[in-house]
Every structure is written in C-alpha cells, then in structure tokens.
PDB file of N, CA and C in Angstrom:
ATOM      1  N   MET A   1       6.066  -0.423 -33.275  1.00  0.00           N
ATOM      2  CA  MET A   1       7.290  -0.368 -32.033  1.00  0.00           C
ATOM      3  C   MET A   1       8.638  -0.670 -32.523  1.00  0.00           C
ATOM      4  N   ASP A   2       8.238  -1.530 -33.780  1.00  0.00           N
ATOM      5  CA  ASP A   2       9.353  -1.930 -34.343  1.00  0.00           C
ATOM      6  C   ASP A   2      11.004  -1.021 -34.462  1.00  0.00           C
ATOM      7  N   ASN A   3      10.748   0.169 -34.477  1.00  0.00           N
ATOM      8  CA  ASN A   3      12.008   1.109 -34.539  1.00  0.00           C
ATOM      9  C   ASN A   3      12.154   1.749 -33.314  1.00  0.00           C
ATOM     10  N   ILE A   4      11.334   1.548 -32.356  1.00  0.00           N
ATOM     11  CA  ILE A   4      11.961   2.454 -30.763  1.00  0.00           C
ATOM     12  C   ILE A   4      12.649   1.768 -30.147  1.00  0.00           C
ATOM     13  N   GLU A   5      13.641   1.883 -29.906  1.00  0.00           N
ATOM     14  CA  GLU A   5      15.086   1.788 -29.161  1.00  0.00           C
ATOM     15  C   GLU A   5      14.387   1.760 -27.482  1.00  0.00           C
ATOM     16  N   ASP A   6      13.835   2.516 -27.033  1.00  0.00           N
ATOM     17  CA  ASP A   6      13.654   3.274 -25.719  1.00  0.00           C
ATOM     18  C   ASP A   6      12.547   2.623 -25.302  1.00  0.00           C
ATOM     19  N   ARG A   7      12.472   0.964 -24.655  1.00  0.00           N
ATOM     20  CA  ARG A   7      11.299   0.136 -24.599  1.00  0.00           C
ATOM     21  C   ARG A   7      10.814   0.364 -23.049  1.00  0.00           C
ATOM     22  N   ARG A   8      11.335   1.411 -22.253  1.00  0.00           N
ATOM     23  CA  ARG A   8      10.925   1.575 -20.920  1.00  0.00           C
ATOM     24  C   ARG A   8       9.483   1.844 -20.617  1.00  0.00           C
ATOM     25  N   ALA A   9       8.895   0.996 -19.867  1.00  0.00           N
ATOM     26  CA  ALA A   9       7.117   1.293 -19.793  1.00  0.00           C
ATOM     27  C   ALA A   9       7.029   0.958 -18.243  1.00  0.00           C
ATOM     28  N   LYS A  10       5.969   1.277 -18.178  1.00  0.00           N
ATOM     29  CA  LYS A  10       5.157   1.111 -16.607  1.00  0.00           C
ATOM     30  C   LYS A  10       3.817   0.927 -16.736  1.00  0.00           C
ATOM     31  N   PHE A  11       3.143  -0.181 -15.486  1.00  0.00           N
ATOM     32  CA  PHE A  11       1.992  -0.594 -15.619  1.00  0.00           C
ATOM     33  C   PHE A  11       1.319   0.667 -14.414  1.00  0.00           C
ATOM     34  N   VAL A  12       0.529   1.318 -14.426  1.00  0.00           N
ATOM     35  CA  VAL A  12       0.076   2.267 -13.263  1.00  0.00           C
ATOM     36  C   VAL A  12      -1.223   1.916 -12.947  1.00  0.00           C
ATOM     37  N   SER A  13      -1.647   2.002 -11.483  1.00  0.00           N
ATOM     38  CA  SER A  13      -2.949   1.755 -11.133  1.00  0.00           C
ATOM     39  C   SER A  13      -3.004   3.282  -9.918  1.00  0.00           C
ATOM     40  N   HIS A  14      -4.322   3.609  -9.961  1.00  0.00           N
ATOM     41  CA  HIS A  14      -4.860   4.549  -9.056  1.00  0.00           C
ATOM     42  C   HIS A  14      -6.110   4.296  -8.713  1.00  0.00           C
ATOM     43  N   ILE A  15      -5.928   4.173  -7.516  1.00  0.00           N
ATOM     44  CA  ILE A  15      -7.425   4.097  -6.256  1.00  0.00           C
ATOM     45  C   ILE A  15      -7.546   5.211  -5.700  1.00  0.00           C
ATOM     46  N   ALA A  16      -8.980   5.595  -5.775  1.00  0.00           N
ATOM     47  CA  ALA A  16      -9.404   6.746  -4.894  1.00  0.00           C
ATOM     48  C   ALA A  16     -10.701   6.224  -4.230  1.00  0.00           C
ATOM     49  N   CYS A  17     -11.166   6.823  -2.804  1.00  0.00           N
ATOM     50  CA  CYS A  17     -12.265   6.712  -2.476  1.00  0.00           C
ATOM     51  C   CYS A  17     -12.793   8.017  -1.717  1.00  0.00           C
ATOM     52  N   VAL A  18     -13.780   8.495  -2.100  1.00  0.00           N
ATOM     53  CA  VAL A  18     -14.444   9.846  -1.676  1.00  0.00           C
ATOM     54  C   VAL A  18     -15.755   9.039  -0.371  1.00  0.00           C
ATOM     55  N   PHE A  19     -15.317   9.722   0.576  1.00  0.00           N
ATOM     56  CA  PHE A  19     -16.316   9.464   1.640  1.00  0.00           C
ATOM     57  C   PHE A  19     -17.580  10.608   1.704  1.00  0.00           C
ATOM     58  N   PRO A  20     -18.621  10.290   2.312  1.00  0.00           N
ATOM     59  CA  PRO A  20     -19.712  11.030   2.488  1.00  0.00           C
ATOM     60  C   PRO A  20     -19.439  12.339   2.893  1.00  0.00           C
ATOM     61  N   ASP A  21     -18.170  12.836   3.645  1.00  0.00           N
ATOM     62  CA  ASP A  21     -17.955  13.975   4.115  1.00  0.00           C
ATOM     63  C   ASP A  21     -17.327  14.820   3.329  1.00  0.00           C
ATOM     64  N   GLY A  22     -17.185  14.459   1.983  1.00  0.00           N
ATOM     65  CA  GLY A  22     -16.008  14.877   0.808  1.00  0.00           C
ATOM     66  C   GLY A  22     -14.618  14.640   1.006  1.00  0.00           C
ATOM     67  N   SER A  23     -14.186  14.205   1.889  1.00  0.00           N
ATOM     68  CA  SER A  23     -12.728  13.943   2.129  1.00  0.00           C
ATOM     69  C   SER A  23     -12.453  12.655   0.947  1.00  0.00           C
ATOM     70  N   VAL A  24     -11.009  12.583   0.895  1.00  0.00           N
ATOM     71  CA  VAL A  24     -10.608  11.642  -0.424  1.00  0.00           C
ATOM     72  C   VAL A  24      -9.548  11.197   0.062  1.00  0.00           C
ATOM     73  N   ILE A  25      -9.058   9.870  -0.036  1.00  0.00           N
ATOM     74  CA  ILE A  25      -7.932   9.370  -0.094  1.00  0.00           C
ATOM     75  C   ILE A  25      -7.609   8.815  -1.338  1.00  0.00           C
ATOM     76  N   ASP A  26      -6.335   8.548  -1.748  1.00  0.00           N
ATOM     77  CA  ASP A  26      -6.279   8.016  -2.932  1.00  0.00           C
ATOM     78  C   ASP A  26      -4.836   7.219  -2.857  1.00  0.00           C
ATOM     79  N   ALA A  27      -4.285   6.341  -3.519  1.00  0.00           N
ATOM     80  CA  ALA A  27      -3.098   5.924  -3.877  1.00  0.00           C
ATOM     81  C   ALA A  27      -2.880   5.636  -5.137  1.00  0.00           C
ATOM     82  N   GLU A  28      -1.436   5.278  -5.279  1.00  0.00           N
ATOM     83  CA  GLU A  28      -1.153   4.986  -6.633  1.00  0.00           C
ATOM     84  C   GLU A  28       0.300   4.073  -6.579  1.00  0.00           C
ATOM     85  N   GLY A  29       0.054   3.073  -7.590  1.00  0.00           N
ATOM     86  CA  GLY A  29       0.954   2.023  -7.889  1.00  0.00           C
ATOM     87  C   GLY A  29       1.442   1.903  -8.937  1.00  0.00           C
ATOM     88  N   GLU A  30       3.007   1.951  -9.220  1.00  0.00           N
ATOM     89  CA  GLU A  30       3.632   1.489 -10.385  1.00  0.00           C
ATOM     90  C   GLU A  30       4.293   0.266 -10.290  1.00  0.00           C
ATOM     91  N   CYS A  31       4.401  -0.300 -11.789  1.00  0.00           N
ATOM     92  CA  CYS A  31       5.220  -1.659 -11.727  1.00  0.00           C
ATOM     93  C   CYS A  31       6.120  -1.196 -13.205  1.00  0.00           C
ATOM     94  N   ALA A  32       7.537  -0.759 -13.210  1.00  0.00           N
ATOM     95  CA  ALA A  32       8.423  -0.227 -14.019  1.00  0.00           C
ATOM     96  C   ALA A  32       8.607  -1.650 -14.600  1.00  0.00           C
ATOM     97  N   GLY A  33       9.160  -1.419 -16.027  1.00  0.00           N
ATOM     98  CA  GLY A  33       9.705  -2.573 -16.792  1.00  0.00           C
ATOM     99  C   GLY A  33      10.185  -1.987 -18.208  1.00  0.00           C
ATOM    100  N   LEU A  34      10.445  -3.119 -18.821  1.00  0.00           N
ATOM    101  CA  LEU A  34      10.635  -2.918 -20.454  1.00  0.00           C
ATOM    102  C   LEU A  34       9.795  -3.498 -21.272  1.00  0.00           C
ATOM    103  N   ILE A  35       9.398  -3.257 -22.514  1.00  0.00           N
ATOM    104  CA  ILE A  35       8.518  -3.850 -23.288  1.00  0.00           C
ATOM    105  C   ILE A  35       9.359  -4.635 -24.393  1.00  0.00           C
ATOM    106  N   ARG A  36       9.069  -5.864 -24.282  1.00  0.00           N
ATOM    107  CA  ARG A  36       9.766  -6.954 -25.279  1.00  0.00           C
ATOM    108  C   ARG A  36       9.392  -7.012 -26.726  1.00  0.00           C
ATOM    109  N   ARG A  37      10.382  -7.294 -27.377  1.00  0.00           N
ATOM    110  CA  ARG A  37       9.922  -7.671 -28.869  1.00  0.00           C
ATOM    111  C   ARG A  37       9.138  -8.784 -29.106  1.00  0.00           C
ATOM    112  N   ASP A  38       9.334  -9.974 -28.225  1.00  0.00           N
ATOM    113  CA  ASP A  38       8.863 -10.970 -28.175  1.00  0.00           C
ATOM    114  C   ASP A  38       7.908 -11.676 -27.336  1.00  0.00           C
ATOM    115  N   PHE A  39       6.864 -12.492 -27.283  1.00  0.00           N
ATOM    116  CA  PHE A  39       6.495 -13.096 -26.217  1.00  0.00           C
ATOM    117  C   PHE A  39       7.152 -13.731 -25.569  1.00  0.00           C
ATOM    118  N   LYS A  40       6.552 -13.547 -24.383  1.00  0.00           N
ATOM    119  CA  LYS A  40       7.386 -14.627 -23.139  1.00  0.00           C
ATOM    120  C   LYS A  40       6.699 -15.196 -22.269  1.00  0.00           C
ATOM    121  N   GLY A  41       6.136 -16.154 -21.901  1.00  0.00           N
ATOM    122  CA  GLY A  41       5.278 -16.528 -21.150  1.00  0.00           C
ATOM    123  C   GLY A  41       4.268 -17.087 -21.094  1.00  0.00           C
ATOM    124  N   ASP A  42       3.465 -18.021 -20.375  1.00  0.00           N
ATOM    125  CA  ASP A  42       1.955 -18.413 -20.896  1.00  0.00           C
ATOM    126  C   ASP A  42       0.988 -17.949 -19.883  1.00  0.00           C
ATOM    127  N   GLY A  43       1.501 -17.039 -18.573  1.00  0.00           N
ATOM    128  CA  GLY A  43       0.335 -16.376 -17.835  1.00  0.00           C
ATOM    129  C   GLY A  43      -0.345 -15.269 -17.815  1.00  0.00           C
ATOM    130  N   GLY A  44      -1.073 -14.711 -16.931  1.00  0.00           N
ATOM    131  CA  GLY A  44      -1.746 -13.434 -17.045  1.00  0.00           C
ATOM    132  C   GLY A  44      -2.262 -13.342 -18.113  1.00  0.00           C
ATOM    133  N   PHE A  45      -2.269 -11.960 -18.816  1.00  0.00           N
ATOM    134  CA  PHE A  45      -3.394 -11.533 -19.653  1.00  0.00           C
ATOM    135  C   PHE A  45      -2.966 -10.298 -20.540  1.00  0.00           C
ATOM    136  N   GLY A  46      -3.358  -9.789 -21.632  1.00  0.00           N
ATOM    137  CA  GLY A  46      -3.066  -8.542 -22.103  1.00  0.00           C
ATOM    138  C   GLY A  46      -1.574  -8.607 -22.411  1.00  0.00           C
ATOM    139  N   TYR A  47      -1.090  -7.751 -21.896  1.00  0.00           N
ATOM    140  CA  TYR A  47       0.291  -7.130 -22.531  1.00  0.00           C
ATOM    141  C   TYR A  47       1.606  -7.959 -21.427  1.00  0.00           C
ATOM    142  N   ASP A  48       0.909  -8.774 -20.650  1.00  0.00           N
ATOM    143  CA  ASP A  48       1.923  -9.696 -19.698  1.00  0.00           C
ATOM    144  C   ASP A  48       2.899 -10.274 -20.297  1.00  0.00           C
ATOM    145  N   PRO A  49       2.865 -11.193 -21.455  1.00  0.00           N
ATOM    146  CA  PRO A  49       3.734 -11.622 -22.179  1.00  0.00           C
ATOM    147  C   PRO A  49       5.001 -10.971 -22.769  1.00  0.00           C
ATOM    148  N   LEU A  50       4.780  -9.800 -22.910  1.00  0.00           N
ATOM    149  CA  LEU A  50       5.619  -8.545 -23.622  1.00  0.00           C
ATOM    150  C   LEU A  50       6.084  -7.665 -22.555  1.00  0.00           C
ATOM    151  N   PHE A  51       5.935  -7.849 -21.293  1.00  0.00           N
ATOM    152  CA  PHE A  51       6.228  -6.805 -20.321  1.00  0.00           C
ATOM    153  C   PHE A  51       7.262  -7.380 -19.390  1.00  0.00           C
ATOM    154  N   ASP A  52       8.566  -6.988 -19.274  1.00  0.00           N
ATOM    155  CA  ASP A  52       9.629  -7.862 -18.627  1.00  0.00           C
ATOM    156  C   ASP A  52       9.927  -6.591 -17.595  1.00  0.00           C
ATOM    157  N   ILE A  53      10.321  -7.629 -16.516  1.00  0.00           N
ATOM    158  CA  ILE A  53      10.737  -6.827 -15.253  1.00  0.00           C
ATOM    159  C   ILE A  53      11.994  -7.061 -15.059  1.00  0.00           C
ATOM    160  N   PRO A  54      12.904  -6.221 -15.293  1.00  0.00           N
ATOM    161  CA  PRO A  54      14.289  -6.634 -15.440  1.00  0.00           C
ATOM    162  C   PRO A  54      14.844  -6.998 -13.906  1.00  0.00           C
ATOM    163  N   GLU A  55      14.452  -6.373 -12.653  1.00  0.00           N
ATOM    164  CA  GLU A  55      14.757  -6.802 -11.474  1.00  0.00           C
ATOM    165  C   GLU A  55      14.594  -8.113 -11.101  1.00  0.00           C
ATOM    166  N   LEU A  56      13.247  -8.903 -11.706  1.00  0.00           N
ATOM    167  CA  LEU A  56      13.184 -10.181 -11.513  1.00  0.00           C
ATOM    168  C   LEU A  56      13.620 -11.265 -12.404  1.00  0.00           C
ATOM    169  N   GLY A  57      13.917 -10.335 -13.860  1.00  0.00           N
ATOM    170  CA  GLY A  57      14.737 -11.247 -15.102  1.00  0.00           C
ATOM    171  C   GLY A  57      13.311 -12.163 -15.495  1.00  0.00           C
ATOM    172  N   MET A  58      12.017 -11.630 -15.558  1.00  0.00           N
ATOM    173  CA  MET A  58      10.834 -12.431 -16.051  1.00  0.00           C
ATOM    174  C   MET A  58      10.199 -11.515 -16.463  1.00  0.00           C
ATOM    175  N   THR A  59       8.970 -11.622 -17.431  1.00  0.00           N
ATOM    176  CA  THR A  59       7.893 -11.117 -17.686  1.00  0.00           C
ATOM    177  C   THR A  59       6.851 -11.413 -16.882  1.00  0.00           C
ATOM    178  N   MET A  60       5.759 -10.425 -16.784  1.00  0.00           N
ATOM    179  CA  MET A  60       4.622 -10.749 -15.677  1.00  0.00           C
ATOM    180  C   MET A  60       4.262 -12.065 -15.948  1.00  0.00           C
ATOM    181  N   ALA A  61       4.106 -12.438 -17.545  1.00  0.00           N
ATOM    182  CA  ALA A  61       3.192 -13.801 -17.655  1.00  0.00           C
ATOM    183  C   ALA A  61       4.315 -14.988 -17.187  1.00  0.00           C
ATOM    184  N   GLU A  62       5.336 -14.593 -16.533  1.00  0.00           N
ATOM    185  CA  GLU A  62       5.900 -16.010 -15.865  1.00  0.00           C
ATOM    186  C   GLU A  62       5.894 -15.875 -14.608  1.00  0.00           C
ATOM    187  N   LEU A  63       5.581 -14.792 -14.065  1.00  0.00           N
ATOM    188  CA  LEU A  63       5.605 -14.956 -12.612  1.00  0.00           C
ATOM    189  C   LEU A  63       4.144 -15.657 -11.875  1.00  0.00           C
ATOM    190  N   THR A  64       4.509 -16.170 -11.022  1.00  0.00           N
ATOM    191  CA  THR A  64       3.659 -16.904 -10.217  1.00  0.00           C
ATOM    192  C   THR A  64       2.181 -16.026  -9.653  1.00  0.00           C
ATOM    193  N   LEU A  65       1.307 -16.382  -9.322  1.00  0.00           N
ATOM    194  CA  LEU A  65       0.078 -15.566  -8.896  1.00  0.00           C
ATOM    195  C   LEU A  65       0.708 -14.434  -7.616  1.00  0.00           C
ATOM    196  N   GLU A  66       1.507 -15.448  -6.816  1.00  0.00           N
ATOM    197  CA  GLU A  66       1.851 -15.291  -5.364  1.00  0.00           C
ATOM    198  C   GLU A  66       2.852 -13.917  -5.567  1.00  0.00           C
ATOM    199  N   VAL A  67       3.575 -14.052  -6.702  1.00  0.00           N
ATOM    200  CA  VAL A  67       4.564 -12.965  -6.824  1.00  0.00           C
ATOM    201  C   VAL A  67       4.193 -11.898  -7.498  1.00  0.00           C
ATOM    202  N   LYS A  68       3.314 -12.082  -8.371  1.00  0.00           N
ATOM    203  CA  LYS A  68       2.545 -11.017  -9.382  1.00  0.00           C
ATOM    204  C   LYS A  68       1.931 -10.203  -8.345  1.00  0.00           C
ATOM    205  N   ASN A  69       1.122 -10.918  -7.398  1.00  0.00           N
ATOM    206  CA  ASN A  69       0.517 -10.221  -6.309  1.00  0.00           C
ATOM    207  C   ASN A  69       1.133  -9.167  -5.260  1.00  0.00           C
ATOM    208  N   LYS A  70       2.267  -9.337  -5.203  1.00  0.00           N
ATOM    209  CA  LYS A  70       3.325  -8.681  -4.640  1.00  0.00           C
ATOM    210  C   LYS A  70       3.908  -7.349  -5.068  1.00  0.00           C
ATOM    211  N   VAL A  71       4.195  -7.531  -6.519  1.00  0.00           N
ATOM    212  CA  VAL A  71       5.150  -6.871  -7.685  1.00  0.00           C
ATOM    213  C   VAL A  71       4.249  -5.970  -8.492  1.00  0.00           C
ATOM    214  N   SER A  72       2.719  -6.319  -8.337  1.00  0.00           N
ATOM    215  CA  SER A  72       2.253  -5.525  -9.816  1.00  0.00           C
ATOM    216  C   SER A  72       1.588  -3.881  -9.312  1.00  0.00           C
ATOM    217  N   HIS A  73       1.309  -3.290 -10.183  1.00  0.00           N
ATOM    218  CA  HIS A  73       0.771  -2.065  -9.936  1.00  0.00           C
ATOM    219  C   HIS A  73      -0.079  -1.838  -9.230  1.00  0.00           C
ATOM    220  N   ARG A  74      -1.037  -2.810  -9.262  1.00  0.00           N
ATOM    221  CA  ARG A  74      -2.496  -2.856  -8.352  1.00  0.00           C
ATOM    222  C   ARG A  74      -2.131  -3.562  -7.130  1.00  0.00           C
ATOM    223  N   ALA A  75      -1.179  -4.378  -6.655  1.00  0.00           N
ATOM    224  CA  ALA A  75      -0.658  -4.930  -5.640  1.00  0.00           C
ATOM    225  C   ALA A  75      -0.212  -3.833  -4.658  1.00  0.00           C
ATOM    226  N   LYS A  76       0.706  -2.830  -5.586  1.00  0.00           N
ATOM    227  CA  LYS A  76       1.234  -1.633  -4.708  1.00  0.00           C
ATOM    228  C   LYS A  76       0.278  -0.384  -4.402  1.00  0.00           C
ATOM    229  N   ALA A  77      -0.572  -0.411  -5.538  1.00  0.00           N
ATOM    230  CA  ALA A  77      -1.499   0.779  -5.201  1.00  0.00           C
ATOM    231  C   ALA A  77      -2.643   0.254  -3.812  1.00  0.00           C
ATOM    232  N   LEU A  78      -2.918  -1.034  -3.850  1.00  0.00           N
ATOM    233  CA  LEU A  78      -3.572  -1.623  -2.810  1.00  0.00           C
ATOM    234  C   LEU A  78      -3.047  -1.819  -1.532  1.00  0.00           C
ATOM    235  N   GLU A  79      -2.134  -1.562  -1.333  1.00  0.00           N
ATOM    236  CA  GLU A  79      -1.125  -1.942  -0.110  1.00  0.00           C
ATOM    237  C   GLU A  79      -0.814  -0.270   0.381  1.00  0.00           C
ATOM    238  N   ILE A  80      -0.595   0.683  -0.511  1.00  0.00           N
ATOM    239  CA  ILE A  80      -0.552   2.058  -0.115  1.00  0.00           C
ATOM    240  C   ILE A  80      -1.803   2.471   0.356  1.00  0.00           C
ATOM    241  N   PHE A  81      -3.156   2.164  -0.355  1.00  0.00           N
ATOM    242  CA  PHE A  81      -4.553   2.457  -0.195  1.00  0.00           C
ATOM    243  C   PHE A  81      -4.940   2.054   1.285  1.00  0.00           C
ATOM    244  N   LYS A  82      -4.501   0.921   1.331  1.00  0.00           N
ATOM    245  CA  LYS A  82      -5.032  -0.011   2.468  1.00  0.00           C
ATOM    246  C   LYS A  82      -4.031   1.084   3.968  1.00  0.00           C
ATOM    247  N   GLY A  83      -2.856   1.456   3.736  1.00  0.00           N
ATOM    248  CA  GLY A  83      -2.725   2.214   5.038  1.00  0.00           C
ATOM    249  C   GLY A  83      -3.281   3.345   5.044  1.00  0.00           C
ATOM    250  N   LYS A  84      -3.579   4.173   4.068  1.00  0.00           N
ATOM    251  CA  LYS A  84      -4.156   5.284   4.195  1.00  0.00           C
ATOM    252  C   LYS A  84      -5.601   5.267   4.740  1.00  0.00           C
ATOM    253  N   LEU A  85      -6.295   3.983   4.257  1.00  0.00           N
ATOM    254  CA  LEU A  85      -7.763   3.841   4.941  1.00  0.00           C
ATOM    255  C   LEU A  85      -7.152   3.324   6.119  1.00  0.00           C
ATOM    256  N   LYS A  86      -6.617   2.692   6.434  1.00  0.00           N
ATOM    257  CA  LYS A  86      -6.593   2.441   8.178  1.00  0.00           C
ATOM    258  C   LYS A  86      -6.435   3.708   8.775  1.00  0.00           C
ATOM    259  N   GLU A  87      -5.454   4.603   8.296  1.00  0.00           N
ATOM    260  CA  GLU A  87      -5.159   6.065   8.813  1.00  0.00           C
ATOM    261  C   GLU A  87      -6.278   6.599   8.953  1.00  0.00           C
ATOM    262  N   LYS A  88      -7.327   6.880   8.140  1.00  0.00           N
ATOM    263  CA  LYS A  88      -8.547   7.716   8.098  1.00  0.00           C
ATOM    264  C   LYS A  88      -9.665   7.200   8.927  1.00  0.00           C
ATOM    265  N   LEU A  89      -9.741   5.797   8.879  1.00  0.00           N
ATOM    266  CA  LEU A  89     -10.899   5.061  10.037  1.00  0.00           C
ATOM    267  C   LEU A  89     -10.553   5.144  10.888  1.00  0.00           C
ATOM    268  N   GLN A  90      -8.981   5.357  11.628  1.00  0.00           N
ATOM    269  CA  GLN A  90      -8.573   5.781  12.870  1.00  0.00           C
ATOM    270  C   GLN A  90      -8.695   7.042  13.513  1.00  0.00           C
ATOM    271  N   GLU A  91      -8.772   7.875  12.393  1.00  0.00           N
ATOM    272  CA  GLU A  91      -9.050   9.504  13.149  1.00  0.00           C
ATOM    273  C   GLU A  91     -10.447   9.532  13.897  1.00  0.00           C
ATOM    274  N   LYS A  92      -9.828  10.143  15.251  1.00  0.00           N
ATOM    275  CA  LYS A  92     -11.190  10.327  15.829  1.00  0.00           C
ATOM    276  C   LYS A  92     -11.820  11.323  15.191  1.00  0.00           C
ATOM    277  N   ASN A  93     -11.768  12.209  14.589  1.00  0.00           N
ATOM    278  CA  ASN A  93     -12.763  13.438  14.133  1.00  0.00           C
ATOM    279  C   ASN A  93     -13.646  12.380  13.085  1.00  0.00           C
ATOM    280  N   TYR A  94     -13.096  11.527  12.149  1.00  0.00           N
ATOM    281  CA  TYR A  94     -14.071  11.002  11.331  1.00  0.00           C
ATOM    282  C   TYR A  94     -14.839   9.845  12.020  1.00  0.00           C
ATOM    283  N   ALA A  95     -14.164   9.245  12.989  1.00  0.00           N
ATOM    284  CA  ALA A  95     -15.121   8.105  13.470  1.00  0.00           C
ATOM    285  C   ALA A  95     -16.202   8.671  14.461  1.00  0.00           C
ATOM    286  N   ASP A  96     -15.782  10.158  14.669  1.00  0.00           N
ATOM    287  CA  ASP A  96     -17.034  10.562  15.493  1.00  0.00           C
ATOM    288  C   ASP A  96     -18.276  11.221  14.783  1.00  0.00           C
ATOM    289  N   LYS A  97     -17.919  11.462  13.259  1.00  0.00           N
ATOM    290  CA  LYS A  97     -19.009  11.804  12.654  1.00  0.00           C
ATOM    291  C   LYS A  97     -20.496  10.924  12.194  1.00  0.00           C
TER     292      LYS A  97
END
C-alpha cells in the first residue's frame, strides 16, 4: 500500500440469528478509520496498531478495552443486535409459538 493515497478503511461486523420458525434478525456495525503507514500502540491484535480512528486521535491498539468495547465494529453490531433481539422476543406472535 506504499503508493496508495486514499487510506480510508473500515472494520465491519455482521451478526445474524435464524429462529426455528425461519425468521431472521441481523445487525451490522462499522468502525471507520484510516490505515496508518506505521504501527502505533501496543494493545489489540491483527491490524489494530495500523487502524487509526480520527475522531479519537488514536489507533485501535491505543484504546483501553472499555473504549474499544464501545466504538468497535463488534460492539456496535452487538448493540444493534441486542435491540432487535429484544424486540423479537417481545413480539406476542413469537412468544406464543
């Protein structure tokens, strides 16, 4: 990627659940950022030291676990999924089956 000027990137996580009746709920979370040219930070794994989050002024590898668990693609997908699952389980039609 040495010659690539557009360094925009995003982590994406997609979660899906298929119920016995065939209905599906799914959710997607994204965390947008930039791919750095150098490593920064000691935490995380994989691409975390190269993934810069401009709004936070840090790489994924520099974030505390608490912050990462709020801004990561997985955290966002799980939060959306949690809301959809709660709605699904509260539906009277599903609860009666």
